[in-house]
């Protein structure tokens, strides 16, 4: 997944890989003959392996695993879905769209597929169509992880500059799953941009209780503390930045703006 906002993009990529790797037993197509059943089982194994390699960043091997899966069973929608995600990482957009289209024809109501395809469309600046797919996924009462689609929708809206709507979607996500760190981080950043530094502080502290602070989170912490006039918190974040990220451009910029 292409980086839009460093931390959440990484989290979303891992979430999408997890969707594929753990959903290989949910495909609805009925396989009645023994040869077809064996082909499906092999396709499921290859797709699960592709998801693991994708999560590790080994896209060449992941792509080969999806090809093996589709050789065993070309009607397995999850294999097309996984292949599309790999092509997205490789920035082969035409191939990714083709794979998503095939997956959607085979499994038109699969919420994980709708979420993934919707994110791809968002990256292609087809925002409204992408949001429609993600909203369908989020509203599916059988979807075990609707917060993933809400997070995707929030990031898509943020990318489109629709900050108030992004905030609403991300709030929905953390209501469903309070420990969704990608949503908490983005809510902190968006709240600050919308002139709500107290809300930003709340979301950022919730995020930091759940995750080791990153460079981006510490830099955001400085900006939130300054907006709130909290010199103690500002100094604490600055000290952590100097200790852990002394050569970062973010630290230099924050020190320069302090003078």
Protein backbone atom coordinates (compact mmCIF):
# COMPACT_ATOMS: atom_id res chain seq x y z
CA UNK A 1 0.00 0.00 0.00
CA UNK A 2 1.37 3.34 -0.92
CA UNK A 3 2.30 5.57 1.96
CA UNK A 4 -0.16 8.41 2.51
CA UNK A 5 0.46 8.92 6.20
CA UNK A 6 3.40 6.85 7.36
CA UNK A 7 2.05 5.12 10.44
CA UNK A 8 -1.56 4.38 9.44
CA UNK A 9 -0.60 3.30 5.95
CA UNK A 10 1.67 0.65 7.43
CA UNK A 11 -1.01 -0.50 9.84
CA UNK A 12 -3.60 -0.68 7.12
CA UNK A 13 -1.33 -2.74 4.90
CA UNK A 14 -0.84 -5.25 7.70
CA UNK A 15 -4.57 -5.30 8.39
CA UNK A 16 -5.34 -6.04 4.76
CA UNK A 17 -2.80 -8.85 4.68
CA UNK A 18 -4.33 -10.28 7.85
CA UNK A 19 -7.77 -10.21 6.26
CA UNK A 20 -6.59 -12.45 3.47
CA UNK A 21 -4.41 -14.75 5.50
CA UNK A 22 -7.16 -15.58 7.99
CA UNK A 23 -10.19 -15.72 5.73
CA UNK A 24 -9.28 -18.56 3.40
CA UNK A 25 -11.91 -20.86 4.90
CA UNK A 26 -14.83 -18.49 4.35
CA UNK A 27 -15.21 -18.69 0.57
CA UNK A 28 -18.79 -19.59 -0.29
CA UNK A 29 -18.34 -21.54 -3.52
CA UNK A 30 -19.44 -25.16 -3.06
CA UNK A 31 -16.84 -27.67 -4.20
CA UNK A 32 -18.41 -31.06 -4.81
CA UNK A 33 -15.88 -33.18 -6.67
CA UNK A 34 -12.73 -34.55 -5.07
CA UNK A 35 -10.36 -32.98 -7.61
CA UNK A 36 -12.02 -29.59 -7.18
CA UNK A 37 -11.86 -29.90 -3.40
CA UNK A 38 -8.16 -30.72 -3.52
CA UNK A 39 -7.53 -27.77 -5.85
CA UNK A 40 -9.39 -25.44 -3.50
CA UNK A 41 -7.45 -26.64 -0.49
CA UNK A 42 -4.15 -26.10 -2.28
CA UNK A 43 -5.32 -22.65 -3.38
CA UNK A 44 -6.21 -21.78 0.21
CA UNK A 45 -2.75 -22.82 1.42
CA UNK A 46 -0.96 -20.84 -1.29
CA UNK A 47 -3.14 -17.77 -0.60
CA UNK A 48 -2.45 -17.96 3.13
CA UNK A 49 1.29 -18.19 2.39
CA UNK A 50 0.99 -15.22 0.05
CA UNK A 51 -0.59 -13.23 2.87
CA UNK A 52 2.29 -14.07 5.18
CA UNK A 53 4.92 -13.08 2.62
CA UNK A 54 2.97 -9.89 1.83
CA UNK A 55 2.96 -8.93 5.51
CA UNK A 56 6.75 -9.42 5.60
CA UNK A 57 7.26 -7.27 2.51
CA UNK A 58 8.41 -10.14 0.29
CA UNK A 59 6.18 -9.22 -2.62
CA UNK A 60 7.87 -11.31 -5.30
CA UNK A 61 7.28 -14.54 -3.40
CA UNK A 62 3.77 -13.43 -2.42
CA UNK A 63 2.92 -12.85 -6.06
CA UNK A 64 4.24 -16.27 -7.05
CA UNK A 65 2.13 -17.89 -4.33
CA UNK A 66 -1.01 -16.19 -5.68
CA UNK A 67 -0.18 -17.48 -9.16
CA UNK A 68 0.15 -21.01 -7.80
CA UNK A 69 -3.15 -20.59 -5.96
CA UNK A 70 -4.95 -19.50 -9.12
CA UNK A 71 -3.39 -22.33 -11.08
CA UNK A 72 -4.92 -24.73 -8.56
CA UNK A 73 -8.29 -22.96 -8.49
CA UNK A 74 -8.91 -19.94 -10.76
CA UNK A 75 -12.35 -19.44 -9.18
CA UNK A 76 -10.97 -18.71 -5.69
CA UNK A 77 -11.84 -15.06 -5.05
CA UNK A 78 -9.45 -14.64 -2.11
CA UNK A 79 -6.48 -15.53 -4.31
CA UNK A 80 -7.45 -12.80 -6.79
CA UNK A 81 -7.91 -10.42 -3.85
CA UNK A 82 -4.46 -11.22 -2.48
CA UNK A 83 -2.91 -10.89 -5.91
CA UNK A 84 -4.48 -7.47 -6.29
CA UNK A 85 -2.96 -6.32 -2.99
CA UNK A 86 0.48 -7.46 -4.10
CA UNK A 87 0.12 -5.67 -7.43
CA UNK A 88 -0.87 -2.54 -5.50
CA UNK A 89 2.41 -2.68 -3.60
CA UNK A 90 4.30 -3.15 -6.84
CA UNK A 91 2.42 -0.16 -8.29
CA UNK A 92 1.08 -2.24 -11.15
CA UNK A 93 -2.29 -0.53 -11.08
CA UNK A 94 -3.76 -2.04 -14.23
CA UNK A 95 -3.01 -5.56 -13.03
CA UNK A 96 -4.33 -4.76 -9.55
CA UNK A 97 -7.63 -3.46 -10.92
CA UNK A 98 -8.00 -6.52 -13.14
CA UNK A 99 -7.43 -8.85 -10.17
CA UNK A 100 -9.89 -6.94 -7.99
CA UNK A 101 -12.50 -7.03 -10.75
CA UNK A 102 -12.13 -10.80 -11.04
CA UNK A 103 -12.41 -11.24 -7.27
CA UNK A 104 -15.50 -9.05 -7.11
CA UNK A 105 -17.23 -10.99 -9.87
CA UNK A 106 -16.63 -14.21 -7.94
CA UNK A 107 -17.57 -12.83 -4.52
CA UNK A 108 -19.56 -9.59 -4.98
CA UNK A 109 -20.60 -9.16 -1.33
CA UNK A 110 -17.35 -10.06 0.43
CA UNK A 111 -16.73 -7.20 2.90
CA UNK A 112 -12.97 -7.70 3.06
CA UNK A 113 -12.74 -7.55 -0.71
CA UNK A 114 -14.98 -4.48 -0.82
CA UNK A 115 -12.74 -2.77 1.73
CA UNK A 116 -9.54 -3.60 -0.15
CA UNK A 117 -10.92 -2.67 -3.56
CA UNK A 118 -12.37 0.52 -2.10
CA UNK A 119 -8.95 1.53 -0.77
CA UNK A 120 -7.39 0.87 -4.16
CA UNK A 121 -9.99 3.10 -5.80
CA UNK A 122 -9.27 5.81 -3.24
CA UNK A 123 -5.61 5.72 -4.26
CA UNK A 124 -6.73 6.09 -7.87
CA UNK A 125 -8.68 9.24 -6.90
CA UNK A 126 -11.99 7.43 -7.48
CA UNK A 127 -12.99 8.53 -4.01
CA UNK A 128 -16.77 8.27 -4.18
CA UNK A 129 -16.79 4.78 -5.66
CA UNK A 130 -14.18 3.64 -3.18
CA UNK A 131 -16.10 5.08 -0.24
CA UNK A 132 -19.26 3.36 -1.45
CA UNK A 133 -17.50 -0.01 -1.32
CA UNK A 134 -16.00 0.64 2.10
CA UNK A 135 -19.34 1.77 3.47
CA UNK A 136 -20.96 -1.42 2.16
CA UNK A 137 -18.28 -3.40 3.98
CA UNK A 138 -18.70 -1.45 7.23
CA UNK A 139 -22.49 -1.91 7.22
CA UNK A 140 -22.33 -5.68 6.63
CA UNK A 141 -23.65 -7.18 9.88
CA UNK A 142 -21.75 -10.41 9.19
CA UNK A 143 -18.39 -8.65 8.84
CA UNK A 144 -16.29 -9.53 11.88
CA UNK A 145 -14.08 -6.40 11.60
CA UNK A 146 -16.18 -3.45 10.40
CA UNK A 147 -13.74 -1.05 12.08
CA UNK A 148 -11.19 -1.86 9.36
CA UNK A 149 -13.53 -0.51 6.70
CA UNK A 150 -14.27 2.55 8.87
CA UNK A 151 -10.53 3.19 9.23
CA UNK A 152 -10.06 2.82 5.46
CA UNK A 153 -12.91 5.23 4.82
CA UNK A 154 -11.48 7.73 7.28
CA UNK A 155 -8.07 7.65 5.62
CA UNK A 156 -9.67 7.95 2.19
CA UNK A 157 -11.65 11.00 3.28
CA UNK A 158 -8.56 12.52 4.85
CA UNK A 159 -6.65 11.99 1.62
CA UNK A 160 -9.45 13.83 -0.20
CA UNK A 161 -9.22 16.75 2.24
CA UNK A 162 -12.66 16.03 3.74
CA UNK A 163 -11.41 16.33 7.30
CA UNK A 164 -14.70 16.61 9.21
CA UNK A 165 -16.07 13.51 7.48
CA UNK A 166 -12.78 11.70 8.11
CA UNK A 167 -13.06 12.54 11.78
CA UNK A 168 -16.58 11.09 11.91
CA UNK A 169 -15.51 7.83 10.29
CA UNK A 170 -12.51 7.41 12.57
CA UNK A 171 -14.63 8.12 15.65
CA UNK A 172 -16.95 5.32 14.52
CA UNK A 173 -13.95 3.02 14.19
CA UNK A 174 -12.68 3.61 17.73
CA UNK A 175 -16.18 3.20 19.13
CA UNK A 176 -16.19 -0.30 17.66
CA UNK A 177 -12.58 -0.99 18.63
CA UNK A 178 -11.11 1.41 21.20
CA UNK A 179 -7.55 0.09 20.73
CA UNK A 180 -7.40 0.71 16.96
CA UNK A 181 -4.14 2.65 17.02
CA UNK A 182 -4.21 3.76 13.38
CA UNK A 183 -7.54 5.47 13.96
CA UNK A 184 -6.40 7.01 17.26
CA UNK A 185 -3.26 8.47 15.69
CA UNK A 186 -5.19 9.97 12.79
CA UNK A 187 -7.87 11.34 15.10
CA UNK A 188 -5.17 13.14 17.09
CA UNK A 189 -3.67 14.64 13.94
CA UNK A 190 -7.04 15.58 12.42
CA UNK A 191 -8.33 17.05 15.70
CA UNK A 192 -5.29 19.33 15.86
CA UNK A 193 -5.82 20.39 12.25
CA UNK A 194 -9.45 21.17 13.01
CA UNK A 195 -8.50 23.41 15.95
CA UNK A 196 -9.34 20.90 18.71
CA UNK A 197 -6.04 20.51 20.57
CA UNK A 198 -7.64 19.09 23.72
CA UNK A 199 -9.29 16.31 21.71
CA UNK A 200 -5.97 15.77 19.94
CA UNK A 201 -4.24 15.34 23.29
CA UNK A 202 -6.80 12.76 24.44
CA UNK A 203 -6.48 10.65 21.30
CA UNK A 204 -2.70 10.89 21.24
CA UNK A 205 -2.38 9.78 24.86
CA UNK A 206 -4.69 6.85 24.15
CA UNK A 207 -2.51 5.92 21.19
CA UNK A 208 0.70 6.17 23.23
CA UNK A 209 -0.68 3.90 25.94
CA UNK A 210 -1.10 1.21 23.31
CA UNK A 211 2.02 1.58 21.17
CA UNK A 212 5.69 2.50 21.37
CA UNK A 213 5.79 6.16 20.25
CA UNK A 214 7.10 6.63 16.73
CA UNK A 215 8.95 9.62 15.35
CA UNK A 216 5.69 10.90 13.85
CA UNK A 217 3.80 10.46 17.12
CA UNK A 218 6.41 12.29 19.19
CA UNK A 219 6.54 15.15 16.69
CA UNK A 220 2.75 15.35 16.80
CA UNK A 221 2.94 15.35 20.59
CA UNK A 222 5.13 18.45 20.51
CA UNK A 223 2.69 20.26 18.23
CA UNK A 224 -0.30 19.25 20.36
CA UNK A 225 1.45 20.38 23.56
CA UNK A 226 2.32 23.72 22.01
CA UNK A 227 -1.27 24.21 20.87
CA UNK A 228 -2.43 23.51 24.41
CA UNK A 229 0.25 25.73 25.97
CA UNK A 230 1.59 22.77 27.95
CA UNK A 231 5.30 23.49 28.35
CA UNK A 232 5.93 20.42 30.53
CA UNK A 233 4.48 18.03 27.93
CA UNK A 234 6.30 19.84 25.13
CA UNK A 235 9.65 19.48 26.89
CA UNK A 236 8.97 15.79 27.56
CA UNK A 237 8.23 15.05 23.91
CA UNK A 238 11.24 17.08 22.78
CA UNK A 239 13.54 15.17 25.14
CA UNK A 240 12.28 11.86 23.76
CA UNK A 241 12.85 13.08 20.21
CA UNK A 242 16.41 14.18 21.01
CA UNK A 243 17.15 10.86 22.70
CA UNK A 244 15.66 8.56 20.06
CA UNK A 245 15.63 10.56 16.81
CA UNK A 246 18.43 13.09 17.18
CA UNK A 247 19.13 13.35 13.44
CA UNK A 248 15.53 13.56 12.25
CA UNK A 249 14.36 16.48 10.12
CA UNK A 250 11.21 16.62 12.24
CA UNK A 251 13.27 17.43 15.34
CA UNK A 252 15.26 20.09 13.51
CA UNK A 253 12.07 21.71 12.23
CA UNK A 254 10.47 21.72 15.68
CA UNK A 255 13.59 23.22 17.26
CA UNK A 256 13.74 25.90 14.59
CA UNK A 257 10.08 26.82 15.05
CA UNK A 258 10.63 27.14 18.80
CA UNK A 259 13.15 29.94 18.45
